[in-house]
Amino acid sequence: MRREFVSLTRTAVVGSALGGALLAWACACGEARDKPNIVLILADDLGYGDLSSYGATKIRTPNIDSLATQGVLFTDAHTEASTCTPTRYGLMTGRYSWRTWLKYSALSTSAPLLIEEDRMTVASLLKSAGYSTSIVGKWHLGFGREDGFGENRGNTPPNYWETRASGPDWNGELKPGPLEVGFDYSYVIPVANSFPPYVFVENHHVAGLRAESPIGKLESRNYGRMDGGDGARWTDEELIDQFAGKVVSQLESLAKQQPFFLYYTPTHPHIGSRNVNGQVHWPSGRFQGTSQAGPFGDVIHELDWSVGEILNTLDRLGIAEDTLVIFSSDNGGYTRDFNGHRPNGPILRGGKGDLVEGGHRVPFLARWPGKIKPGTRSGETISLTDMLATVAAIVGEELPLGAGPDSCNVLPALLGQELADRDRPMVMLSGGMGALAIRAGKWKLIAGQGNCGYAHFRAGKPMPAPQSGDPPAQLYDLEEDVGERNNLYDEHPEIVQRLEELLQQVKDEELSRTP
């Protein structure tokens, strides 16, 4: 039987006999050749219902689904936030992004690096453990530094940060960036594919930039203007082939430097740059019309193909058996209907930007031959913020005090076991407006009314006011009501009080790790 509430302290390693045994197993793999290669794939805005393995019928994702048939599929996995930058920060650092100056939404074109250079990341941890580390895809965590940038938000729309200084020098050296937080190699687009600059940054410089056509004025907004940059620009139709080609070449190189960590972060199925027809999902020609969900479904077919390129390359290089592959998404999917396809499935409420389940419950699949039993499903509650502590356990490294304060080792769940502390707290952020929710066991408390997403922000009401007679917040039993239709706030005041106290404690201090 689950405990109703979790204790208020945690350690880096699950404090049970099972957790200790697993850590001992991980530590026994001390030689580099015994450490698994790790490929972590993070899709962009892919919803809980966007994969065949999660119930989609108008979209086919055989390559991604193979991770489920050959590994484990999670039904209760979550992102730290319902927008991308906060989740990407939390995944890399094991720390909630609302502890930084980013309190909601995501970074814009001019934003400096959000990750502190002295903070441990998944990449820097693995690099120190002897791994070669690469990132290919979407970065969206900023470049350069600017003191006081986080205090310069003002009353601006989401993503529309302005800079007091000149911002990143897109025609010069772009640092600090991925290489300063643990990656040996990076080939990324700076923001989302709907934001300028529409270029690739390879390590510290824009790739392919011509001296006679420097990057000029940029509009830091969706579909914003970008002057110059001839020779370096990409188009949406080309993105998946460029990403996949670079990923394959990186795998071929990394296979000679095992162990390695490859972080693949495609932009799919995030909206593309608006084309002349006003369409915001624009797949390459060979994928157009291949799904029953319009261009949106076609873009997911592109994503699935690129994952297939990774899996096929691992097989061709003879390293699939030595590689852990993890697939997930940075937040929930859209709330739209695409020819009868609903990205978050038929049950979950809300979507991207929201604090309800559709905003942060995401697909999560993992394959690790010889370690993860094929064809398993797990109902354990995990977060992408748990990746730092989990990777540390996998490679037998201890996290130093202060590293990954919000990260828990969920290796037992990957290996088909129950977590020792199944009621430990998880805090989620509304990307649209900055409200918080806390999850402990089956209970979830949302500190506000409504979906707490972009719609409230655009209406000028950052914190939705309750309607007459409604309670001030929302409490749900997710075991009985995953669709969050029955607010139990008034029925369980004792649970509300305990969750409010727990949320306040998490907000007040970063929980320190004990050795």
Protein backbone atom coordinates (compact mmCIF):
# COMPACT_ATOMS: atom_id res chain seq x y z
CA MET A 1 0.00 0.00 0.00
CA ARG A 2 1.33 3.44 -0.87
CA ARG A 3 2.05 5.96 1.85
CA GLU A 4 -0.10 9.05 1.41
CA PHE A 5 2.74 11.54 1.73
CA VAL A 6 6.44 11.45 1.12
CA SER A 7 9.12 12.44 3.62
CA LEU A 8 10.72 15.83 3.09
CA THR A 9 14.29 14.68 2.56
CA ARG A 10 15.83 12.63 -0.22
CA THR A 11 19.15 11.17 -1.24
CA ALA A 12 20.80 10.71 -4.62
CA VAL A 13 20.31 6.96 -4.52
CA VAL A 14 17.09 5.16 -3.66
CA GLY A 15 17.45 4.28 0.01
CA SER A 16 16.30 0.68 -0.07
CA ALA A 17 17.96 -2.69 -0.31
CA LEU A 18 16.89 -2.83 -3.94
CA GLY A 19 18.31 0.62 -4.65
CA GLY A 20 21.56 -0.27 -2.91
CA ALA A 21 21.89 -3.46 -4.90
CA LEU A 22 21.31 -1.60 -8.14
CA LEU A 23 23.90 1.01 -7.27
CA ALA A 24 26.37 -1.73 -6.39
CA TRP A 25 25.68 -3.29 -9.78
CA ALA A 26 26.26 0.05 -11.49
CA CYS A 27 29.48 0.65 -9.58
CA ALA A 28 30.73 -2.81 -10.52
CA CYS A 29 30.73 -1.66 -14.14
CA GLY A 30 33.68 0.59 -13.45
CA GLU A 31 35.65 -0.02 -16.59
CA ALA A 32 34.75 2.28 -19.46
CA ARG A 33 34.01 -0.66 -21.78
CA ASP A 34 31.28 -1.81 -19.35
CA LYS A 35 29.50 1.53 -19.27
CA PRO A 36 26.62 1.71 -21.74
CA ASN A 37 26.53 4.21 -24.54
CA ILE A 38 23.54 6.50 -23.96
CA VAL A 39 21.34 7.96 -26.69
CA LEU A 40 18.74 10.36 -25.33
CA ILE A 41 16.11 11.54 -27.82
CA LEU A 42 13.86 14.46 -26.84
CA ALA A 43 11.04 15.30 -29.24
CA ASP A 44 9.49 18.78 -29.33
CA ASP A 45 5.80 19.17 -28.35
CA LEU A 46 5.02 15.48 -28.89
CA GLY A 47 1.90 14.60 -26.92
CA TYR A 48 1.00 11.57 -24.84
CA GLY A 49 -1.26 10.29 -27.62
CA ASP A 50 0.95 11.02 -30.64
CA LEU A 51 2.55 7.57 -30.93
CA SER A 52 0.99 4.31 -32.10
CA SER A 53 2.28 2.65 -28.95
CA TYR A 54 0.29 5.17 -26.89
CA GLY A 55 -2.93 4.71 -28.84
CA ALA A 56 -2.63 6.84 -32.00
CA THR A 57 -4.50 5.32 -34.94
CA LYS A 58 -4.06 7.96 -37.65
CA ILE A 59 -0.27 8.15 -37.22
CA ARG A 60 2.22 5.25 -37.53
CA THR A 61 5.44 5.29 -35.53
CA PRO A 62 7.00 1.82 -35.93
CA ASN A 63 10.58 2.84 -35.16
CA ILE A 64 9.75 4.63 -31.92
CA ASP A 65 7.29 1.86 -31.01
CA SER A 66 10.09 -0.70 -31.37
CA LEU A 67 11.63 0.80 -28.24
CA ALA A 68 8.49 -0.33 -26.40
CA THR A 69 8.46 -3.84 -27.84
CA GLN A 70 12.18 -4.22 -27.14
CA GLY A 71 12.17 -2.31 -23.85
CA VAL A 72 9.86 -0.48 -21.46
CA LEU A 73 6.98 1.98 -21.96
CA PHE A 74 6.03 4.34 -19.11
CA THR A 75 2.45 5.49 -18.61
CA ASP A 76 3.11 8.06 -15.86
CA ALA A 77 6.15 10.03 -17.04
CA HIS A 78 6.26 13.82 -16.78
CA THR A 79 8.21 16.88 -17.73
CA GLU A 80 9.18 19.57 -15.26
CA ALA A 81 7.17 22.13 -17.19
CA SER A 82 4.67 22.38 -20.01
CA THR A 83 7.04 24.33 -22.26
CA CYS A 84 10.42 23.42 -23.66
CA THR A 85 13.17 25.58 -22.14
CA PRO A 86 12.27 24.80 -18.51
CA THR A 87 12.10 21.08 -19.24
CA ARG A 88 15.43 21.12 -21.08
CA TYR A 89 17.07 22.92 -18.17
CA GLY A 90 15.59 20.46 -15.66
CA LEU A 91 16.57 17.42 -17.70
CA MET A 92 20.17 18.58 -18.06
CA THR A 93 20.69 19.83 -14.50
CA GLY A 94 18.30 17.85 -12.30
CA ARG A 95 17.09 21.19 -10.95
CA TYR A 96 13.73 22.91 -11.39
CA SER A 97 13.99 25.86 -13.77
CA TRP A 98 11.76 28.05 -11.61
CA ARG A 99 14.70 28.21 -9.21
CA THR A 100 16.42 30.31 -11.94
CA TRP A 101 15.38 33.64 -13.46
CA LEU A 102 13.14 31.77 -15.93
CA LYS A 103 9.79 31.68 -14.15
CA TYR A 104 7.57 30.70 -17.10
CA SER A 105 7.42 30.21 -20.86
CA ALA A 106 10.68 29.77 -22.80
CA LEU A 107 13.74 31.69 -23.94
CA SER A 108 13.74 33.99 -26.94
CA THR A 109 16.33 34.80 -29.58
CA SER A 110 18.37 37.23 -27.49
CA ALA A 111 18.46 35.22 -24.27
CA PRO A 112 21.78 34.31 -22.62
CA LEU A 113 22.70 30.84 -21.42
CA LEU A 114 20.30 29.69 -18.71
CA ILE A 115 22.50 26.90 -17.35
CA GLU A 116 25.18 28.05 -14.93
CA GLU A 117 28.61 27.06 -16.20
CA ASP A 118 29.66 25.60 -12.87
CA ARG A 119 26.50 23.49 -12.51
CA MET A 120 26.74 19.76 -13.16
CA THR A 121 24.75 18.53 -16.15
CA VAL A 122 24.06 15.11 -17.61
CA ALA A 123 26.68 15.92 -20.25
CA SER A 124 29.37 17.14 -17.85
CA LEU A 125 28.77 14.21 -15.49
CA LEU A 126 29.22 11.72 -18.32
CA LYS A 127 32.20 13.59 -19.72
CA SER A 128 33.91 13.35 -16.34
CA ALA A 129 33.12 9.62 -16.36
CA GLY A 130 35.03 9.16 -19.61
CA TYR A 131 32.22 9.64 -22.13
CA SER A 132 32.41 11.49 -25.44
CA THR A 133 29.41 13.84 -25.56
CA SER A 134 27.48 15.33 -28.49
CA ILE A 135 24.23 17.22 -29.04
CA VAL A 136 22.38 17.49 -32.36
CA GLY A 137 19.08 19.34 -32.76
CA LYS A 138 17.33 22.11 -30.87
CA TRP A 139 19.21 23.88 -28.07
CA HIS A 140 16.85 26.59 -26.73
CA LEU A 141 18.91 27.24 -23.59
CA GLY A 142 20.63 30.46 -24.68
CA PHE A 143 24.08 31.65 -25.70
CA GLY A 144 26.43 34.09 -23.99
CA ARG A 145 26.01 36.01 -20.75
CA GLU A 146 24.25 39.20 -19.73
CA ASP A 147 24.09 40.34 -16.12
CA GLY A 148 20.58 41.21 -15.02
CA PHE A 149 18.90 39.75 -18.08
CA GLY A 150 16.43 37.80 -15.99
CA GLU A 151 15.26 41.01 -14.31
CA ASN A 152 14.47 42.64 -17.64
CA ARG A 153 11.31 40.74 -18.50
CA GLY A 154 8.74 43.40 -17.79
CA ASN A 155 5.13 42.94 -18.82
CA THR A 156 5.86 41.24 -22.14
CA PRO A 157 4.25 38.29 -23.91
CA PRO A 158 5.75 34.83 -23.43
CA ASN A 159 9.08 34.37 -25.23
CA TYR A 160 9.43 38.08 -26.06
CA TRP A 161 12.45 38.83 -23.89
CA GLU A 162 14.35 41.99 -24.72
CA THR A 163 18.02 42.52 -23.98
CA ARG A 164 19.74 45.59 -22.59
CA ALA A 165 22.93 44.64 -24.39
CA SER A 166 23.33 43.53 -28.00
CA GLY A 167 22.53 39.88 -27.31
CA PRO A 168 24.48 36.98 -28.83
CA ASP A 169 26.87 37.86 -31.66
CA TRP A 170 25.47 35.65 -34.41
CA ASN A 171 28.29 36.70 -36.74
CA GLY A 172 31.03 35.97 -34.22
CA GLU A 173 31.85 33.56 -31.41
CA LEU A 174 28.84 32.14 -29.58
CA LYS A 175 29.87 31.20 -26.07
CA PRO A 176 29.16 30.13 -23.47
CA GLY A 177 26.83 27.53 -24.93
CA PRO A 178 26.58 23.73 -25.13
CA LEU A 179 30.36 23.21 -25.10
CA GLU A 180 30.68 25.11 -21.82
CA VAL A 181 28.17 22.86 -20.01
CA GLY A 182 29.60 19.45 -20.89
CA PHE A 183 29.32 18.75 -24.62
CA ASP A 184 32.37 17.99 -26.75
CA TYR A 185 30.45 18.72 -29.96
CA SER A 186 27.24 20.56 -30.79
CA TYR A 187 25.24 21.10 -33.97
CA VAL A 188 22.07 22.91 -33.01
CA ILE A 189 19.45 25.43 -33.99
CA PRO A 190 19.50 28.18 -31.34
CA VAL A 191 15.81 28.50 -30.43
CA ALA A 192 12.63 26.88 -31.78
CA ASN A 193 12.25 26.41 -35.51
CA SER A 194 9.65 29.18 -35.47
CA PHE A 195 12.10 31.75 -34.07
CA PRO A 196 15.07 33.43 -35.78
CA PRO A 197 17.91 33.00 -36.39
CA TYR A 198 17.04 30.24 -38.88
CA VAL A 199 20.56 28.78 -38.90
CA PHE A 200 22.64 25.97 -37.41
CA VAL A 201 25.28 26.73 -34.81
CA GLU A 202 28.17 24.27 -34.94
CA ASN A 203 30.17 24.47 -31.74
CA HIS A 204 30.83 28.23 -31.34
CA HIS A 205 29.88 29.61 -34.77
CA VAL A 206 26.99 29.75 -37.23
CA ALA A 207 27.61 27.05 -39.83
CA GLY A 208 27.92 28.10 -43.47
CA LEU A 209 27.71 31.84 -42.83
CA ARG A 210 29.07 33.96 -45.68
CA ALA A 211 31.13 37.05 -44.97
CA GLU A 212 29.25 39.02 -47.63
CA SER A 213 25.88 38.25 -46.00
CA PRO A 214 26.15 38.61 -42.23
CA ILE A 215 23.10 38.08 -40.05
CA GLY A 216 21.36 41.41 -39.56
CA LYS A 217 18.19 42.41 -37.76
CA LEU A 218 16.28 39.67 -35.91
CA GLU A 219 12.74 39.89 -34.55
CA SER A 220 12.52 37.90 -31.33
CA ARG A 221 9.06 36.45 -31.92
CA ASN A 222 7.31 33.60 -33.68
CA TYR A 223 7.92 33.80 -37.44
CA GLY A 224 10.13 36.82 -36.78
CA ARG A 225 12.11 38.55 -39.48
CA MET A 226 15.76 37.69 -40.06
CA ASP A 227 17.95 39.79 -42.33
CA GLY A 228 21.01 38.34 -44.05
CA GLY A 229 22.48 34.96 -43.26
CA ASP A 230 22.66 33.74 -46.86
CA GLY A 231 24.40 30.38 -47.06
CA ALA A 232 23.50 29.48 -43.48
CA ARG A 233 19.71 29.43 -43.62
CA TRP A 234 17.72 26.23 -43.45
CA THR A 235 14.14 25.51 -44.47
CA ASP A 236 11.65 23.39 -42.57
CA GLU A 237 11.49 20.82 -45.35
CA GLU A 238 15.25 20.26 -45.03
CA LEU A 239 15.53 20.10 -41.25
CA ILE A 240 14.87 16.41 -40.67
CA ASP A 241 17.39 15.28 -43.30
CA GLN A 242 20.04 17.63 -41.95
CA PHE A 243 19.44 16.48 -38.39
CA ALA A 244 19.41 12.80 -39.33
CA GLY A 245 22.53 13.09 -41.49
CA LYS A 246 24.44 14.79 -38.69
CA VAL A 247 23.22 12.27 -36.10
CA VAL A 248 24.35 9.34 -38.24
CA SER A 249 27.77 10.89 -38.86
CA GLN A 250 28.14 11.57 -35.14
CA LEU A 251 27.28 7.97 -34.30
CA GLU A 252 29.86 6.73 -36.79
CA SER A 253 32.46 8.95 -35.15
CA LEU A 254 31.38 8.25 -31.57
CA ALA A 255 31.43 4.50 -32.13
CA LYS A 256 35.22 4.80 -32.25
CA GLN A 257 35.24 6.62 -28.89
CA GLN A 258 32.99 4.49 -26.70
CA PRO A 259 31.43 5.07 -24.28
CA PHE A 260 29.48 8.02 -25.67
CA PHE A 261 26.46 10.20 -24.92
CA LEU A 262 24.42 11.48 -27.86
CA TYR A 263 21.60 13.92 -27.11
CA TYR A 264 19.30 14.17 -30.14
CA THR A 265 16.72 16.97 -29.88
CA PRO A 266 14.72 17.26 -33.12
CA THR A 267 12.27 20.12 -33.59
CA HIS A 268 9.45 17.75 -34.53
CA PRO A 269 6.48 18.10 -34.33
CA HIS A 270 6.82 21.72 -33.16
CA ILE A 271 5.30 24.27 -35.52
CA GLY A 272 7.52 25.21 -38.43
CA SER A 273 8.31 28.62 -39.81
CA ARG A 274 5.16 29.97 -41.45
CA ASN A 275 5.24 29.43 -45.19
CA VAL A 276 3.44 31.38 -47.91
CA ASN A 277 0.26 29.35 -47.43
CA GLY A 278 0.13 30.06 -43.70
CA GLN A 279 0.75 26.41 -42.86
CA VAL A 280 2.78 25.83 -39.71
CA HIS A 281 3.68 22.14 -40.13
CA TRP A 282 5.69 21.57 -43.26
CA PRO A 283 7.13 18.07 -43.83
CA SER A 284 9.55 17.25 -46.61
CA GLY A 285 8.02 16.07 -49.88
CA ARG A 286 8.47 12.34 -49.37
CA PHE A 287 6.45 12.45 -46.13
CA GLN A 288 3.60 14.67 -47.29
CA GLY A 289 0.27 12.87 -47.19
CA THR A 290 1.67 9.77 -45.47
CA SER A 291 -0.49 10.08 -42.34
CA GLN A 292 -4.21 10.48 -41.72
CA ALA A 293 -3.62 13.50 -39.49
CA GLY A 294 -2.59 16.03 -42.12
CA PRO A 295 0.78 17.78 -42.15
CA PHE A 296 0.99 17.43 -38.37
CA GLY A 297 0.92 13.64 -38.60
CA ASP A 298 3.32 13.73 -41.57
CA VAL A 299 5.85 15.60 -39.43
CA ILE A 300 5.61 12.89 -36.76
CA HIS A 301 6.31 10.34 -39.51
CA GLU A 302 9.48 12.33 -40.24
CA LEU A 303 10.42 12.17 -36.58
CA ASP A 304 9.86 8.42 -36.50
CA TRP A 305 12.00 7.97 -39.63
CA SER A 306 14.87 9.88 -38.01
CA VAL A 307 14.68 7.66 -34.92
CA GLY A 308 14.83 4.69 -37.27
CA GLU A 309 18.03 6.10 -38.77
CA ILE A 310 19.56 6.10 -35.29
CA LEU A 311 18.45 2.57 -34.47
CA ASN A 312 19.58 1.23 -37.85
CA THR A 313 22.97 2.91 -37.44
CA LEU A 314 23.45 1.38 -34.00
CA ASP A 315 22.71 -2.02 -35.55
CA ARG A 316 25.01 -1.43 -38.54
CA LEU A 317 27.88 -0.39 -36.25
CA GLY A 318 27.34 -3.40 -34.01
CA ILE A 319 26.82 -1.34 -30.87
CA ALA A 320 23.06 -1.65 -30.27
CA GLU A 321 23.60 -4.24 -27.52
CA ASP A 322 25.88 -1.82 -25.67
CA THR A 323 23.56 1.20 -25.92
CA LEU A 324 20.76 2.52 -23.74
CA VAL A 325 18.24 4.43 -25.88
CA ILE A 326 15.71 6.73 -24.17
CA PHE A 327 12.92 8.55 -26.00
CA SER A 328 10.60 11.24 -24.61
CA SER A 329 9.19 14.72 -25.27
CA ASP A 330 9.83 18.15 -23.76
CA ASN A 331 6.17 18.81 -22.91
CA GLY A 332 2.64 17.81 -23.81
CA GLY A 333 1.12 18.22 -27.25
CA TYR A 334 -1.27 20.64 -28.82
CA THR A 335 -4.90 20.93 -27.79
CA ARG A 336 -6.01 20.99 -31.43
CA ASP A 337 -7.73 18.23 -33.38
CA PHE A 338 -5.90 17.06 -36.51
CA ASN A 339 -8.42 15.24 -38.69
CA GLY A 340 -9.71 13.37 -35.67
CA HIS A 341 -6.28 12.85 -34.09
CA ARG A 342 -5.86 14.36 -30.62
CA PRO A 343 -2.18 14.75 -29.61
CA ASN A 344 -2.81 14.15 -25.91
CA GLY A 345 -5.24 11.31 -26.43
CA PRO A 346 -8.95 11.23 -25.69
CA ILE A 347 -8.74 11.54 -21.91
CA LEU A 348 -6.06 13.99 -20.77
CA ARG A 349 -7.13 17.58 -20.17
CA GLY A 350 -5.27 20.53 -21.70
CA GLY A 351 -1.99 20.60 -23.56
CA LYS A 352 1.20 22.56 -24.15
CA GLY A 353 1.57 25.47 -21.73
CA ASP A 354 -1.03 24.11 -19.29
CA LEU A 355 -0.58 22.79 -15.77
CA VAL A 356 -3.10 19.97 -16.16
CA GLU A 357 -1.93 16.52 -17.31
CA GLY A 358 -2.02 17.24 -21.04
CA GLY A 359 0.67 19.84 -20.51
CA HIS A 360 3.32 17.64 -18.92
CA ARG A 361 2.43 13.92 -19.10
CA VAL A 362 4.54 12.60 -21.97
CA PRO A 363 5.63 9.40 -23.72
CA PHE A 364 8.73 7.80 -22.24
CA LEU A 365 10.31 4.66 -23.69
CA ALA A 366 13.67 3.03 -23.02
CA ARG A 367 15.59 0.12 -24.57
CA TRP A 368 18.68 -1.43 -22.99
CA PRO A 369 19.41 -4.96 -24.27
CA GLY A 370 20.18 -7.41 -21.50
CA LYS A 371 19.09 -4.99 -18.77
CA ILE A 372 15.52 -3.87 -19.59
CA LYS A 373 13.06 -6.69 -20.15
CA PRO A 374 11.46 -6.39 -23.61
CA GLY A 375 7.78 -5.54 -23.89
CA THR A 376 7.30 -4.24 -20.36
CA ARG A 377 5.09 -1.40 -19.16
CA SER A 378 5.63 0.67 -16.05
CA GLY A 379 3.15 2.74 -14.08
CA GLU A 380 5.88 4.26 -11.88
CA THR A 381 5.78 8.06 -11.64
CA ILE A 382 8.96 9.59 -13.06
CA SER A 383 10.14 12.98 -14.30
CA LEU A 384 12.67 14.01 -16.91
CA THR A 385 14.32 15.95 -14.09
CA ASP A 386 15.29 12.53 -12.71
CA MET A 387 17.68 11.85 -15.57
CA LEU A 388 20.79 13.28 -13.88
CA ALA A 389 20.56 11.10 -10.75
CA THR A 390 19.56 8.08 -12.84
CA VAL A 391 22.47 8.45 -15.24
CA ALA A 392 24.81 8.87 -12.27
CA ALA A 393 23.58 5.53 -10.88
CA ILE A 394 23.92 3.83 -14.27
CA VAL A 395 27.59 4.78 -14.62
CA GLY A 396 28.42 4.36 -10.92
CA GLU A 397 29.07 8.03 -10.13
CA GLU A 398 27.97 9.84 -6.97
CA LEU A 399 26.48 13.29 -7.35
CA PRO A 400 28.23 15.91 -5.25
CA LEU A 401 26.24 17.99 -2.79
CA GLY A 402 24.30 20.68 -4.61
CA ALA A 403 24.12 18.79 -7.90
CA GLY A 404 20.69 17.72 -9.15
CA PRO A 405 18.76 18.86 -6.05
CA ASP A 406 15.42 17.90 -7.62
CA SER A 407 16.57 14.69 -9.32
CA CYS A 408 15.86 11.15 -8.08
CA ASN A 409 17.37 7.90 -9.25
CA VAL A 410 14.66 6.00 -11.14
CA LEU A 411 16.93 3.24 -12.43
CA PRO A 412 14.84 0.61 -10.57
CA ALA A 413 11.80 1.69 -12.61
CA LEU A 414 13.76 1.34 -15.86
CA LEU A 415 14.68 -2.19 -14.82
CA GLY A 416 11.09 -3.14 -14.05
CA GLN A 417 11.08 -2.65 -10.29
CA GLU A 418 9.00 -0.47 -7.99
CA LEU A 419 10.56 2.75 -6.73
CA ALA A 420 11.33 2.73 -3.02
CA ASP A 421 9.67 6.11 -2.44
CA ARG A 422 6.67 6.10 -4.73
CA ASP A 423 5.11 9.15 -3.07
CA ARG A 424 8.11 11.47 -3.34
CA PRO A 425 7.11 15.01 -4.43
CA MET A 426 7.29 16.23 -8.00
CA VAL A 427 6.64 19.86 -8.87
CA MET A 428 5.42 20.94 -12.29
CA LEU A 429 5.48 24.43 -13.80
CA SER A 430 2.89 26.01 -16.08
CA GLY A 431 4.88 27.18 -19.08
CA GLY A 432 2.11 29.57 -20.00
CA MET A 433 1.88 31.59 -16.80
CA GLY A 434 4.22 30.29 -14.09
CA ALA A 435 1.80 28.62 -11.66
CA LEU A 436 2.96 25.46 -9.88
CA ALA A 437 1.44 22.07 -9.17
CA ILE A 438 2.71 19.37 -6.84
CA ARG A 439 2.29 15.62 -7.21
CA ALA A 440 2.73 13.17 -4.31
CA GLY A 441 1.62 9.63 -4.96
CA LYS A 442 -1.85 9.66 -6.50
CA TRP A 443 -2.61 13.20 -5.38
CA LYS A 444 -2.02 16.35 -7.42
CA LEU A 445 -2.61 19.91 -6.22
CA ILE A 446 -2.76 22.74 -8.76
CA ALA A 447 -2.20 26.17 -7.23
CA GLY A 448 -4.84 27.94 -9.28
CA GLN A 449 -8.00 27.52 -11.31
CA GLY A 450 -8.55 26.47 -14.90
CA ASN A 451 -5.79 24.94 -17.01
CA CYS A 452 -3.29 27.61 -15.86
CA GLY A 453 -1.85 28.05 -19.36
CA TYR A 454 -1.28 30.51 -22.18
CA ALA A 455 -4.98 31.34 -22.50
CA HIS A 456 -4.98 32.90 -19.04
CA PHE A 457 -1.84 34.89 -19.78
CA ARG A 458 -3.26 36.27 -23.02
CA ALA A 459 -6.43 37.24 -21.19
CA GLY A 460 -4.36 39.37 -18.81
CA LYS A 461 -5.10 37.11 -15.86
CA PRO A 462 -1.85 35.38 -14.90
CA MET A 463 -3.57 33.57 -12.02
CA PRO A 464 -7.11 32.49 -12.91
CA ALA A 465 -9.62 33.73 -10.36
CA PRO A 466 -12.12 31.14 -9.10
CA GLN A 467 -15.71 31.44 -10.21
CA SER A 468 -18.36 32.13 -7.60
CA GLY A 469 -18.64 29.13 -5.30
CA ASP A 470 -15.53 27.41 -6.66
CA PRO A 471 -12.55 26.49 -4.45
CA PRO A 472 -9.35 28.53 -4.87
CA ALA A 473 -7.29 25.61 -6.21
CA GLN A 474 -7.63 22.08 -7.61
CA LEU A 475 -7.00 18.68 -6.05
CA TYR A 476 -7.21 15.47 -8.07
CA ASP A 477 -6.87 11.76 -7.39
CA LEU A 478 -5.02 10.75 -10.55
CA GLU A 479 -5.51 7.03 -9.94
CA GLU A 480 -9.26 7.49 -10.23
CA ASP A 481 -9.43 10.65 -12.37
CA VAL A 482 -6.48 11.08 -14.74
CA GLY A 483 -8.66 13.39 -16.85
CA GLU A 484 -8.88 15.81 -13.90
CA ARG A 485 -12.64 16.28 -14.10
CA ASN A 486 -13.55 15.93 -10.40
CA ASN A 487 -11.99 18.59 -8.16
CA LEU A 488 -11.71 17.14 -4.63
CA TYR A 489 -10.34 20.29 -3.01
CA ASP A 490 -13.31 20.74 -0.65
CA GLU A 491 -13.60 17.02 0.18
CA HIS A 492 -10.01 16.56 1.43
CA PRO A 493 -8.81 19.68 3.29
CA GLU A 494 -6.18 17.66 5.18
CA ILE A 495 -4.56 16.51 1.93
CA VAL A 496 -4.68 20.05 0.53
CA GLN A 497 -2.94 21.38 3.64
CA ARG A 498 -0.22 18.74 3.57
CA LEU A 499 0.47 19.29 -0.13
CA GLU A 500 0.52 23.06 0.30
CA GLU A 501 3.05 22.72 3.12
CA LEU A 502 5.16 20.34 1.07
CA LEU A 503 5.09 22.64 -1.96
CA GLN A 504 6.13 25.59 0.19
CA GLN A 505 9.05 23.65 1.64
CA VAL A 506 10.22 22.64 -1.83
CA LYS A 507 9.96 26.27 -2.93
CA ASP A 508 11.80 27.60 0.11
CA GLU A 509 14.91 25.49 -0.16
CA GLU A 510 16.73 23.20 -2.53
CA LEU A 511 16.71 19.78 -0.92
CA SER A 512 20.33 18.88 -0.21
CA ARG A 513 21.68 15.47 -1.06
CA THR A 514 23.30 13.32 1.60
CA PRO A 515 26.24 11.07 0.71
